[in-house]
Protein backbone atom coordinates (compact mmCIF):
# COMPACT_ATOMS: atom_id res chain seq x y z
CA MET A 1 -5.17 -18.69 -18.58
CA HIS A 2 -5.82 -16.05 -16.17
CA GLY A 3 -3.74 -15.33 -13.10
CA GLN A 4 -0.55 -13.70 -11.76
CA GLN A 5 2.50 -14.82 -9.58
CA ALA A 6 5.17 -12.66 -7.94
CA TRP A 7 8.05 -14.15 -5.84
CA THR A 8 11.38 -13.27 -4.20
CA ASN A 9 13.90 -15.00 -2.30
CA ASP A 10 17.54 -14.51 -1.14
CA THR A 11 18.95 -14.89 -4.67
CA GLU A 12 16.03 -13.93 -7.07
CA VAL A 13 13.27 -11.61 -7.87
CA GLY A 14 10.87 -12.99 -10.19
CA GLN A 15 7.52 -12.26 -11.68
CA GLU A 16 4.94 -13.82 -14.15
CA ALA A 17 1.70 -12.34 -15.50
CA TYR A 18 -0.83 -14.21 -17.58
CA ALA A 19 -4.16 -13.04 -19.27
CA GLY A 20 -6.28 -15.05 -21.71
CA THR A 21 -9.61 -14.72 -23.47
CA THR A 22 -9.92 -18.44 -25.17
CA GLY A 23 -13.13 -18.97 -26.49
CA GLN A 24 -14.74 -15.60 -26.14
CA GLN A 25 -17.20 -14.77 -28.89
CA VAL A 26 -17.41 -10.86 -27.94
CA PRO A 27 -14.93 -8.13 -27.55
CA PHE A 28 -12.99 -8.95 -24.33
CA TRP A 29 -10.01 -7.69 -22.57
CA ALA A 30 -8.09 -9.57 -19.82
CA GLU A 31 -5.14 -7.90 -17.85
CA SER A 32 -2.81 -9.37 -15.39
CA GLU A 33 0.15 -7.83 -13.51
CA ALA A 34 2.89 -9.15 -11.39
CA ASP A 35 5.50 -7.08 -9.29
CA ALA A 36 8.23 -8.35 -7.08
CA GLY A 37 11.07 -6.52 -5.32
CA ARG A 38 13.82 -6.54 -2.58
CA SER A 39 15.27 -3.66 -1.03
CA GLY A 40 16.98 -2.63 2.09
CA GLU A 41 18.84 0.38 3.91
CA PHE A 42 22.34 -0.06 5.34
CA ILE A 43 24.61 2.16 7.58
CA VAL A 44 27.98 2.83 6.01
CA ALA A 45 31.16 1.99 8.08
CA GLY A 46 34.17 3.68 6.70
CA ASP A 47 34.72 5.97 3.50
CA GLY A 48 34.69 4.49 -0.01
CA THR A 49 32.93 3.68 -2.99
CA PHE A 50 30.29 0.96 -2.95
CA THR A 51 29.79 -0.97 -6.23
CA ALA A 52 26.94 -3.74 -6.68
CA SER A 53 26.06 -5.92 -9.59
CA ILE A 54 22.97 -7.91 -10.39
CA ASP A 55 22.39 -10.47 -13.34
CA PHE A 56 18.84 -9.98 -14.81
CA ASN A 57 16.80 -11.91 -17.26
CA LEU A 58 13.63 -10.40 -18.90
CA GLU A 59 11.75 -12.98 -21.04
CA GLN A 60 8.18 -12.20 -22.59
CA ILE A 61 6.42 -14.75 -24.61
CA LEU A 62 3.06 -13.80 -26.25
CA ASN A 63 0.81 -16.26 -28.14
CA THR A 64 -2.59 -15.77 -30.03
CA GLU A 65 -4.81 -18.38 -31.07
CA THR A 66 -7.23 -16.93 -33.56
CA MET A 67 -7.29 -14.21 -36.07
CA CYS A 68 -9.32 -11.90 -33.74
CA ASP A 69 -6.80 -12.14 -30.66
CA LEU A 70 -4.35 -9.38 -29.62
CA ALA A 71 -1.68 -9.72 -26.95
CA ILE A 72 0.46 -6.72 -25.64
CA GLY A 73 3.27 -7.24 -23.04
CA PHE A 74 5.50 -5.07 -21.04
CA SER A 75 8.29 -6.16 -18.65
CA LYS A 76 10.88 -3.93 -16.61
CA ALA A 77 13.74 -4.91 -14.31
CA SER A 78 15.64 -2.07 -12.17
CA PHE A 79 18.38 -1.88 -9.76
CA LEU A 80 18.90 1.19 -7.63
CA LEU A 81 21.62 2.31 -5.14
CA GLU A 82 21.05 5.45 -3.07
CA ASN A 83 23.07 7.51 -0.69
CA LYS A 84 20.27 8.95 1.52
CA THR A 85 22.56 11.24 3.24
CA THR A 86 23.87 13.16 0.26
CA SER A 87 20.61 12.45 -1.93
CA THR A 88 22.69 10.93 -4.78
CA ILE A 89 21.34 7.90 -6.97
CA ASP A 90 22.67 5.50 -9.43
CA ASP A 91 20.24 3.35 -10.96
CA ASP A 92 19.73 1.20 -14.09
CA TYR A 93 16.70 -0.30 -15.84
CA ALA A 94 15.77 -2.31 -18.90
CA ILE A 95 12.43 -2.78 -20.49
CA VAL A 96 10.93 -5.50 -23.02
CA PHE A 97 7.79 -4.74 -25.02
CA SER A 98 6.22 -6.94 -27.37
CA ASP A 99 2.85 -7.92 -29.05
CA ALA A 100 1.41 -10.71 -31.09
CA PHE A 101 -1.54 -10.27 -33.46
CA GLY A 102 -3.78 -12.74 -35.11
CA GLY A 103 -3.23 -16.26 -34.97
CA PRO A 104 -2.12 -18.67 -34.33
CA SER A 105 1.02 -16.43 -33.67
CA SER A 106 3.87 -15.96 -31.08
CA ASN A 107 6.30 -13.35 -30.30
CA MET A 108 9.21 -13.78 -27.81
CA GLN A 109 11.33 -11.05 -26.55
CA MET A 110 14.31 -11.45 -24.30
CA CYS A 111 17.06 -9.28 -22.57
CA ILE A 112 19.57 -10.78 -20.41
CA ASP A 113 22.36 -8.45 -18.99
CA THR A 114 23.83 -7.24 -15.75
CA PHE A 115 23.29 -4.20 -14.01
CA THR A 116 26.15 -2.32 -12.11
CA VAL A 117 25.60 0.72 -9.91
CA SER A 118 28.33 2.47 -7.89
CA LEU A 119 28.26 5.45 -5.35
CA ASP A 120 30.73 7.08 -2.88
CA PHE A 121 29.87 7.00 0.77
CA SER A 122 31.32 8.32 3.86
CA ASP A 123 31.33 6.81 7.32
CA GLY A 124 27.92 6.93 8.88
CA ASP A 125 26.00 7.68 5.69
CA ILE A 126 22.77 5.85 5.08
CA GLY A 127 22.29 3.66 1.99
CA TYR A 128 19.59 2.04 0.19
CA ILE A 129 19.71 -0.75 -2.49
CA GLY A 130 16.63 -2.22 -4.31
CA ALA A 131 15.91 -4.44 -7.19
CA ASP A 132 12.37 -4.90 -8.84
CA ALA A 133 10.66 -6.76 -11.80
CA LEU A 134 7.38 -5.67 -13.14
CA SER A 135 5.18 -7.60 -15.86
CA ASP A 136 1.96 -6.73 -17.35
CA ALA A 137 0.06 -8.76 -19.92
CA TYR A 138 -2.96 -7.56 -21.85
CA VAL A 139 -4.80 -10.09 -24.11
CA GLY A 140 -8.03 -9.18 -26.12
CA SER A 141 -10.41 -10.18 -28.74
CA ILE A 142 -11.34 -7.93 -31.47
CA PRO A 143 -14.56 -8.19 -33.68
CA ALA A 144 -14.14 -10.53 -36.57
CA PRO A 145 -13.32 -8.69 -39.92
CA GLY A 146 -16.93 -9.19 -41.29
CA ALA A 147 -18.35 -7.50 -38.12
CA ILE A 148 -16.01 -4.43 -38.94
CA VAL A 149 -17.15 -4.44 -42.47
CA LEU A 150 -20.75 -4.68 -41.49
CA GLY A 151 -20.32 -1.80 -38.85
CA SER A 152 -18.69 0.32 -41.43
CA ILE A 153 -21.42 -0.12 -43.90
CA GLY A 154 -24.06 0.78 -41.21
CA VAL A 155 -22.05 3.89 -40.44
CA GLY A 156 -21.95 4.87 -43.96
CA LEU A 157 -25.60 4.22 -44.52
CA VAL A 158 -26.42 6.46 -41.48
CA GLY A 159 -24.16 9.30 -42.99
CA TRP A 160 -25.70 9.16 -46.27
CA MET A 161 -29.27 9.13 -44.93
CA ARG A 162 -28.33 12.16 -42.90
CA ARG A 163 -26.85 14.00 -45.76
CA ARG A 164 -30.17 13.49 -47.65
CA ARG A 165 -31.98 14.49 -44.54
CA THR A 166 -34.18 11.31 -44.41
CA LEU A 167 -32.84 10.58 -40.88
């Protein structure tokens, strides 16, 4: 499956990334990326500490179908609070990385948690808050083990012939 999707609404930032090489007979790589985010500025009324929390769920599932398949995935979620007037930042992020090789095989990684950020603001300060999610998927087919052995024999033969100066 090839494709990508990113979405955002009032309560959710979401993303999906797909890449596939099913049925390929030659070395082949597919990449897919999705990115989604929500952010905004605000003007502070009054002095005090602003604290914000957001729940997040990173989930990555990789599957390979044949011995020649390789899948690599990377997902990241982040949450940022900035006082633009004083140039102070509080941020948090989480990363999930996984891979699957050979097949059929599957690898699933999950990270479910809550980000909490907090900053001091004064009356009239300009603030910024943002959340985003990013996902990359890379899927590839590598040469069959027989092709690797045959290529190695060819390279060895060329090296031997060069050493004997017949090439």
